[in-house]
Amino acid sequence: GGVVEKKDLHYFAEFCGGRVTLHPDDIAKLKDLSRSNMAGCVVLLGFRPMESLDVTFPLNKNSIAFANDSIVAGSNKAFYNLKDAMERKNVYAIAELHTRAKSVSRMVA
């Protein structure tokens, strides 16, 4: 036994059914690229049918996004219309949540 030096650590990610080696510098670069200057916003990426939503998927953190007309005029109406249209079409939204500037965004449904 002995101490494992940081330079000897290897990081892997699952990709296309295999493992890809990631250097710590690569991980830092990916995190840096995923950060945004946008603060407190949701970037809508698309929609999926409700039947494809896996309600048994384990969640580690719950977040609720809501509109705030005092910060963004018209956001309450836009949010309501989006929610109404999604209910009519039986779909849910896939989005990227930015909670603050320079934070790593999170994928949300």
Protein backbone atom coordinates (compact mmCIF):
# COMPACT_ATOMS: atom_id res chain seq x y z
CA GLY A 1 0.00 0.00 0.00
CA GLY A 2 0.95 3.59 -0.43
CA VAL A 3 -0.27 7.05 -1.20
CA VAL A 4 -1.65 7.63 -4.69
CA GLU A 5 -0.36 10.87 -6.13
CA LYS A 6 -2.84 13.23 -7.78
CA LYS A 7 -0.95 12.94 -11.08
CA ASP A 8 -1.61 9.18 -11.02
CA LEU A 9 -5.40 9.52 -10.75
CA HIS A 10 -7.40 8.74 -13.88
CA TYR A 11 -10.94 9.91 -14.52
CA PHE A 12 -13.37 8.16 -16.86
CA ALA A 13 -16.71 9.00 -18.44
CA GLU A 14 -19.13 6.60 -20.12
CA PHE A 15 -19.46 7.49 -23.80
CA CYS A 16 -21.08 5.42 -26.57
CA GLY A 17 -20.91 2.25 -24.51
CA GLY A 18 -17.22 2.63 -23.64
CA ARG A 19 -14.98 4.46 -21.23
CA VAL A 20 -13.19 7.65 -22.17
CA THR A 21 -10.21 8.83 -20.12
CA LEU A 22 -10.47 12.43 -18.93
CA HIS A 23 -7.49 14.38 -17.65
CA PRO A 24 -8.23 16.77 -14.75
CA ASP A 25 -7.39 19.68 -17.09
CA ASP A 26 -10.06 18.40 -19.51
CA ILE A 27 -12.63 18.27 -16.71
CA ALA A 28 -11.76 21.83 -15.65
CA LYS A 29 -12.10 23.00 -19.27
CA LEU A 30 -15.50 21.30 -19.66
CA LYS A 31 -16.74 22.91 -16.45
CA ASP A 32 -15.45 26.29 -17.62
CA LEU A 33 -17.20 25.91 -20.99
CA SER A 34 -20.47 24.93 -19.29
CA ARG A 35 -20.46 28.08 -17.19
CA SER A 36 -22.36 31.00 -18.50
CA ASN A 37 -22.52 34.73 -17.93
CA MET A 38 -26.30 34.35 -17.80
CA ALA A 39 -27.77 34.64 -14.34
CA GLY A 40 -31.14 33.44 -13.14
CA CYS A 41 -32.53 32.14 -16.40
CA VAL A 42 -33.84 29.03 -18.09
CA VAL A 43 -32.75 28.17 -21.64
CA LEU A 44 -35.46 26.11 -23.32
CA LEU A 45 -33.91 23.34 -25.43
CA GLY A 46 -36.93 21.34 -26.59
CA PHE A 47 -39.89 19.15 -25.70
CA ARG A 48 -40.52 15.44 -25.11
CA PRO A 49 -43.76 13.42 -24.84
CA MET A 50 -45.01 13.07 -21.25
CA GLU A 51 -45.01 9.26 -21.55
CA SER A 52 -41.21 9.39 -21.94
CA LEU A 53 -40.76 11.07 -18.55
CA ASP A 54 -39.40 8.56 -16.05
CA VAL A 55 -41.00 9.51 -12.74
CA THR A 56 -38.95 6.84 -10.94
CA PHE A 57 -35.66 8.53 -11.88
CA PRO A 58 -33.80 9.35 -8.66
CA LEU A 59 -33.51 13.07 -7.98
CA ASN A 60 -30.79 14.51 -5.79
CA LYS A 61 -31.99 18.12 -5.80
CA ASN A 62 -35.38 19.60 -6.58
CA SER A 63 -35.73 23.05 -8.08
CA ILE A 64 -38.81 24.94 -9.13
CA ALA A 65 -38.47 27.66 -11.74
CA PHE A 66 -41.10 30.35 -11.80
CA ALA A 67 -41.67 33.62 -13.58
CA ASN A 68 -41.07 36.99 -11.94
CA ASP A 69 -42.59 40.00 -13.71
CA SER A 70 -40.71 42.42 -11.45
CA ILE A 71 -37.43 41.17 -12.95
CA VAL A 72 -38.53 40.28 -16.50
CA ALA A 73 -41.65 42.07 -17.71
CA GLY A 74 -44.11 39.67 -19.35
CA SER A 75 -42.50 36.54 -17.94
CA ASN A 76 -45.65 35.54 -15.99
CA LYS A 77 -47.74 35.54 -19.17
CA ALA A 78 -45.03 33.72 -21.16
CA PHE A 79 -44.63 31.07 -18.44
CA TYR A 80 -48.39 30.57 -18.16
CA ASN A 81 -48.77 30.24 -21.96
CA LEU A 82 -45.87 27.76 -22.13
CA LYS A 83 -47.33 25.64 -19.33
CA ASP A 84 -50.80 25.75 -20.92
CA ALA A 85 -49.47 24.71 -24.34
CA MET A 86 -47.41 21.86 -22.84
CA GLU A 87 -50.48 20.53 -21.00
CA ARG A 88 -52.59 20.69 -24.21
CA LYS A 89 -49.90 18.87 -26.23
CA ASN A 90 -49.03 16.44 -23.40
CA VAL A 91 -45.32 17.26 -23.47
CA TYR A 92 -42.71 18.43 -20.99
CA ALA A 93 -39.83 20.82 -21.56
CA ILE A 94 -36.12 20.06 -21.46
CA ALA A 95 -34.12 23.09 -20.40
CA GLU A 96 -30.84 24.34 -19.03
CA LEU A 97 -31.10 26.11 -15.66
CA HIS A 98 -28.66 28.93 -14.85
CA THR A 99 -29.02 29.91 -11.20
CA ARG A 100 -26.31 32.57 -11.18
CA ALA A 101 -23.55 33.97 -13.38
CA LYS A 102 -20.45 31.75 -13.71
CA SER A 103 -22.19 28.77 -12.11
CA VAL A 104 -22.37 25.43 -13.88
CA SER A 105 -25.76 25.03 -15.54
CA ARG A 106 -28.04 22.09 -14.80
CA MET A 107 -30.25 20.15 -17.16
CA VAL A 108 -33.87 20.23 -15.99
CA ALA A 109 -37.23 18.86 -17.14
